[in-house]
C-alpha atoms as a PDB file:
ATOM      1  CA  MET A   1     -29.445  -3.638 -33.402  1.00  0.00           C
ATOM      2  CA  ALA A   2     -31.337  -4.348 -30.245  1.00  0.00           C
ATOM      3  CA  GLY A   3     -32.898  -1.336 -28.630  1.00  0.00           C
ATOM      4  CA  PRO A   4     -35.624   1.184 -29.168  1.00  0.00           C
ATOM      5  CA  VAL A   5     -35.908   2.829 -32.567  1.00  0.00           C
ATOM      6  CA  ARG A   6     -35.662   6.608 -32.399  1.00  0.00           C
ATOM      7  CA  ASP A   7     -36.333   9.455 -34.682  1.00  0.00           C
ATOM      8  CA  ASP A   8     -33.564  11.993 -35.229  1.00  0.00           C
ATOM      9  CA  ASP A   9     -35.693  14.699 -33.629  1.00  0.00           C
ATOM     10  CA  GLU A  10     -36.226  12.756 -30.390  1.00  0.00           C
ATOM     11  CA  LEU A  11     -34.468  13.965 -27.227  1.00  0.00           C
ATOM     12  CA  LEU A  12     -31.681  11.721 -25.877  1.00  0.00           C
ATOM     13  CA  SER A  13     -32.401  10.978 -22.233  1.00  0.00           C
ATOM     14  CA  ASP A  14     -30.071   8.008 -21.656  1.00  0.00           C
ATOM     15  CA  ILE A  15     -27.056   8.485 -19.435  1.00  0.00           C
ATOM     16  CA  ASN A  16     -23.879   6.836 -20.637  1.00  0.00           C
ATOM     17  CA  ILE A  17     -21.902   5.844 -17.540  1.00  0.00           C
ATOM     18  CA  THR A  18     -19.032   4.154 -19.366  1.00  0.00           C
ATOM     19  CA  PRO A  19     -16.793   7.275 -19.379  1.00  0.00           C
ATOM     20  CA  PHE A  20     -17.549   7.800 -15.697  1.00  0.00           C
ATOM     21  CA  VAL A  21     -16.548   4.217 -14.845  1.00  0.00           C
ATOM     22  CA  ASP A  22     -13.363   4.611 -16.908  1.00  0.00           C
ATOM     23  CA  VAL A  23     -12.379   7.759 -15.036  1.00  0.00           C
ATOM     24  CA  VAL A  24     -13.095   6.171 -11.633  1.00  0.00           C
ATOM     25  CA  LEU A  25     -11.006   3.109 -12.506  1.00  0.00           C
ATOM     26  CA  VAL A  26      -8.097   5.277 -13.651  1.00  0.00           C
ATOM     27  CA  ILE A  27      -8.258   7.268 -10.408  1.00  0.00           C
ATOM     28  CA  LEU A  28      -8.348   4.012  -8.428  1.00  0.00           C
ATOM     29  CA  ILE A  29      -5.275   2.698 -10.242  1.00  0.00           C
ATOM     30  CA  ILE A  30      -3.413   5.959  -9.636  1.00  0.00           C
ATOM     31  CA  PHE A  31      -4.325   5.800  -5.945  1.00  0.00           C
ATOM     32  CA  LEU A  32      -3.131   2.188  -5.616  1.00  0.00           C
ATOM     33  CA  VAL A  33       0.171   2.910  -7.336  1.00  0.00           C
ATOM     34  CA  THR A  34       0.932   6.052  -5.329  1.00  0.00           C
ATOM     35  CA  ALA A  35      -0.137   4.503  -2.011  1.00  0.00           C
ATOM     36  CA  THR A  36       3.019   2.390  -1.982  1.00  0.00           C
ATOM     37  CA  TYR A  37       5.138   5.549  -2.074  1.00  0.00           C
ATOM     38  CA  ILE A  38       3.220   7.196   0.754  1.00  0.00           C
ATOM     39  CA  ILE A  39       3.937   4.432   3.259  1.00  0.00           C
ATOM     40  CA  THR A  40       6.757   5.439   5.587  1.00  0.00           C
ATOM     41  CA  LYS A  41       9.983   3.516   5.357  1.00  0.00           C
ATOM     42  CA  SER A  42      10.394   1.072   8.184  1.00  0.00           C
ATOM     43  CA  ILE A  43      13.383  -0.497   9.811  1.00  0.00           C
ATOM     44  CA  PRO A  44      13.299  -4.301   9.724  1.00  0.00           C
ATOM     45  CA  MET A  45      12.897  -5.672  13.233  1.00  0.00           C
ATOM     46  CA  ASP A  46      11.238  -8.510  15.078  1.00  0.00           C
ATOM     47  CA  LEU A  47       8.360  -6.757  16.898  1.00  0.00           C
ATOM     48  CA  PRO A  48       6.753  -8.391  19.920  1.00  0.00           C
ATOM     49  CA  LYS A  49       3.223  -9.707  19.395  1.00  0.00           C
ATOM     50  CA  ALA A  50       0.067  -8.684  21.258  1.00  0.00           C
ATOM     51  CA  ALA A  51      -3.615  -9.282  20.612  1.00  0.00           C
ATOM     52  CA  THR A  52      -4.855  -5.991  22.030  1.00  0.00           C
ATOM     53  CA  GLY A  53      -2.883  -3.494  19.945  1.00  0.00           C
ATOM     54  CA  GLU A  54      -4.627  -0.506  18.376  1.00  0.00           C
ATOM     55  CA  GLN A  55      -3.844   2.048  15.668  1.00  0.00           C
ATOM     56  CA  VAL A  56      -2.507   5.451  16.714  1.00  0.00           C
ATOM     57  CA  VAL A  57      -1.589   8.497  14.698  1.00  0.00           C
ATOM     58  CA  THR A  58       2.191   8.526  14.505  1.00  0.00           C
ATOM     59  CA  THR A  59       3.801  11.884  15.017  1.00  0.00           C
ATOM     60  CA  LEU A  60       7.237  10.718  16.107  1.00  0.00           C
ATOM     61  CA  ALA A  61       8.392   7.221  15.213  1.00  0.00           C
ATOM     62  CA  ILE A  62      11.234   6.141  17.486  1.00  0.00           C
ATOM     63  CA  SER A  63      12.781   2.771  16.661  1.00  0.00           C
ATOM     64  CA  LEU A  64      15.390   0.653  18.373  1.00  0.00           C
ATOM     65  CA  ASP A  65      16.847  -2.215  16.345  1.00  0.00           C
ATOM     66  CA  ALA A  66      18.502  -5.421  17.588  1.00  0.00           C
ATOM     67  CA  ARG A  67      21.973  -3.814  17.519  1.00  0.00           C
ATOM     68  CA  GLY A  68      20.770  -0.963  19.753  1.00  0.00           C
ATOM     69  CA  THR A  69      20.750   1.717  17.064  1.00  0.00           C
ATOM     70  CA  ILE A  70      18.145   4.434  17.650  1.00  0.00           C
ATOM     71  CA  TYR A  71      16.129   5.780  14.698  1.00  0.00           C
ATOM     72  CA  LEU A  72      13.861   8.810  14.573  1.00  0.00           C
ATOM     73  CA  ASP A  73      11.342   8.748  11.713  1.00  0.00           C
ATOM     74  CA  GLY A  74      13.429   6.106   9.921  1.00  0.00           C
ATOM     75  CA  ARG A  75      16.816   7.852  10.191  1.00  0.00           C
ATOM     76  CA  PRO A  76      19.613   6.867  12.592  1.00  0.00           C
ATOM     77  CA  ILE A  77      20.158   9.382  15.373  1.00  0.00           C
ATOM     78  CA  GLU A  78      22.457   9.710  18.384  1.00  0.00           C
ATOM     79  CA  GLU A  79      20.779   9.777  21.799  1.00  0.00           C
ATOM     80  CA  SER A  80      21.917  13.358  22.484  1.00  0.00           C
ATOM     81  CA  ARG A  81      20.483  14.544  19.136  1.00  0.00           C
ATOM     82  CA  LEU A  82      17.269  12.640  19.871  1.00  0.00           C
ATOM     83  CA  VAL A  83      16.827  14.590  23.115  1.00  0.00           C
ATOM     84  CA  LEU A  84      17.269  17.891  21.261  1.00  0.00           C
ATOM     85  CA  ARG A  85      14.829  16.859  18.534  1.00  0.00           C
ATOM     86  CA  LEU A  86      12.228  15.706  21.079  1.00  0.00           C
ATOM     87  CA  ARG A  87      12.523  19.052  22.835  1.00  0.00           C
ATOM     88  CA  GLU A  88      12.082  20.940  19.516  1.00  0.00           C
ATOM     89  CA  VAL A  89       9.026  18.942  18.474  1.00  0.00           C
ATOM     90  CA  ARG A  90       7.445  19.302  21.930  1.00  0.00           C
ATOM     91  CA  ALA A  91       7.903  23.095  21.718  1.00  0.00           C
ATOM     92  CA  GLU A  92       6.209  23.132  18.280  1.00  0.00           C
ATOM     93  CA  GLN A  93       3.418  20.673  19.134  1.00  0.00           C
ATOM     94  CA  PRO A  94       2.409  20.396  22.800  1.00  0.00           C
ATOM     95  CA  ASP A  95       0.152  17.380  22.050  1.00  0.00           C
ATOM     96  CA  VAL A  96       2.868  15.407  20.254  1.00  0.00           C
ATOM     97  CA  ARG A  97       2.695  11.614  20.325  1.00  0.00           C
ATOM     98  CA  ALA A  98       5.548   9.151  20.074  1.00  0.00           C
ATOM     99  CA  VAL A  99       5.402   5.540  18.950  1.00  0.00           C
ATOM    100  CA  ILE A 100       8.281   3.365  20.103  1.00  0.00           C
ATOM    101  CA  ALA A 101       9.144   0.298  18.033  1.00  0.00           C
ATOM    102  CA  ALA A 102      11.779  -1.923  19.629  1.00  0.00           C
ATOM    103  CA  ASP A 103      13.113  -5.213  18.371  1.00  0.00           C
ATOM    104  CA  GLY A 104      11.963  -8.151  20.504  1.00  0.00           C
ATOM    105  CA  GLY A 105      15.573  -9.000  21.356  1.00  0.00           C
ATOM    106  CA  VAL A 106      16.398  -5.563  22.803  1.00  0.00           C
ATOM    107  CA  GLU A 107      16.984  -5.366  26.529  1.00  0.00           C
ATOM    108  CA  TYR A 108      14.091  -3.971  28.530  1.00  0.00           C
ATOM    109  CA  ARG A 109      16.210  -1.218  30.064  1.00  0.00           C
ATOM    110  CA  ARG A 110      16.969   0.210  26.589  1.00  0.00           C
ATOM    111  CA  VAL A 111      13.244   0.574  25.889  1.00  0.00           C
ATOM    112  CA  MET A 112      12.676   2.119  29.311  1.00  0.00           C
ATOM    113  CA  ARG A 113      15.507   4.564  28.573  1.00  0.00           C
ATOM    114  CA  LEU A 114      13.694   5.716  25.424  1.00  0.00           C
ATOM    115  CA  MET A 115      10.481   6.130  27.407  1.00  0.00           C
ATOM    116  CA  ASP A 116      12.310   8.201  30.037  1.00  0.00           C
ATOM    117  CA  LEU A 117      13.901  10.390  27.363  1.00  0.00           C
ATOM    118  CA  CYS A 118      10.465  11.134  25.921  1.00  0.00           C
ATOM    119  CA  ARG A 119       8.874  11.843  29.291  1.00  0.00           C
ATOM    120  CA  LYS A 120      11.730  14.095  30.411  1.00  0.00           C
ATOM    121  CA  GLN A 121      11.097  16.229  27.319  1.00  0.00           C
ATOM    122  CA  GLY A 122       7.381  16.484  28.168  1.00  0.00           C
ATOM    123  CA  ILE A 123       6.125  13.840  25.728  1.00  0.00           C
ATOM    124  CA  SER A 124       3.791  11.719  27.803  1.00  0.00           C
ATOM    125  CA  ARG A 125       1.622  10.315  24.999  1.00  0.00           C
ATOM    126  CA  LEU A 126       3.554   7.147  24.215  1.00  0.00           C
ATOM    127  CA  ALA A 127       2.582   3.990  22.393  1.00  0.00           C
ATOM    128  CA  PHE A 128       4.425   0.818  21.439  1.00  0.00           C
ATOM    129  CA  ASN A 129       4.493  -0.584  17.938  1.00  0.00           C
ATOM    130  CA  ILE A 130       3.602  -4.273  17.881  1.00  0.00           C
ATOM    131  CA  LYS A 131       2.904  -6.962  15.348  1.00  0.00           C
ATOM    132  CA  SER A 132      -0.671  -8.179  15.770  1.00  0.00           C
ATOM    133  CA  ASP A 133      -0.969 -11.916  16.333  1.00  0.00           C
ATOM    134  CA  ASP A 134      -4.678 -11.858  15.363  1.00  0.00           C
ATOM    135  CA  GLN A 135      -5.740 -14.346  18.033  1.00  0.00           C
ATOM    136  CA  PRO A 136      -8.974 -13.762  19.950  1.00  0.00           C
ATOM    137  CA  VAL A 137      -8.611 -12.780  23.578  1.00  0.00           C
ATOM    138  CA  ALA A 138      -9.632 -15.591  25.961  1.00  0.00           C
ATOM    139  CA  ALA A 139     -12.867 -15.015  27.884  1.00  0.00           C
ATOM    140  CA  ALA A 140     -12.690 -14.323  31.602  1.00  0.00           C
ATOM    141  CA  GLY A 141     -12.206 -17.568  33.484  1.00  0.00           C
ATOM    142  CA  GLY A 142     -11.372 -19.441  30.284  1.00  0.00           C
ATOM    143  CA  ALA A 143      -8.090 -21.142  29.604  1.00  0.00           C
ATOM    144  CA  ALA A 144      -5.664 -19.460  27.233  1.00  0.00           C
ATOM    145  CA  PRO A 145      -4.609 -21.551  24.220  1.00  0.00           C
END
């Protein structure tokens, strides 16, 4: 065998990292498998694109699909029940945030109605869910592509 010859009385000072690497890889695999279950269910819709979108912490996810159905955190909800739920959440969490995701084909007034419902219940921290188009923003004075 290649390696230093040792006496039986000599102290072992080598660190075997193979078990450590095995454990780390198993933990990584577990994380990757469970991460797919952690992702919130989404409603399929054609989101508008924007280059300047940013990530926000979602507390309330309000969605409006192409048919005009309103969803709160992935579940269909009537507008009257949405108002009650917004009021309840605002009472529990004064700093609540809402992210509105509306299908690109939805009329503008429907989206504005959702915004008004949120603001009337005291939820002023609103954001819009978009699909990033990953195009660089044109420099000032430059022509857009």
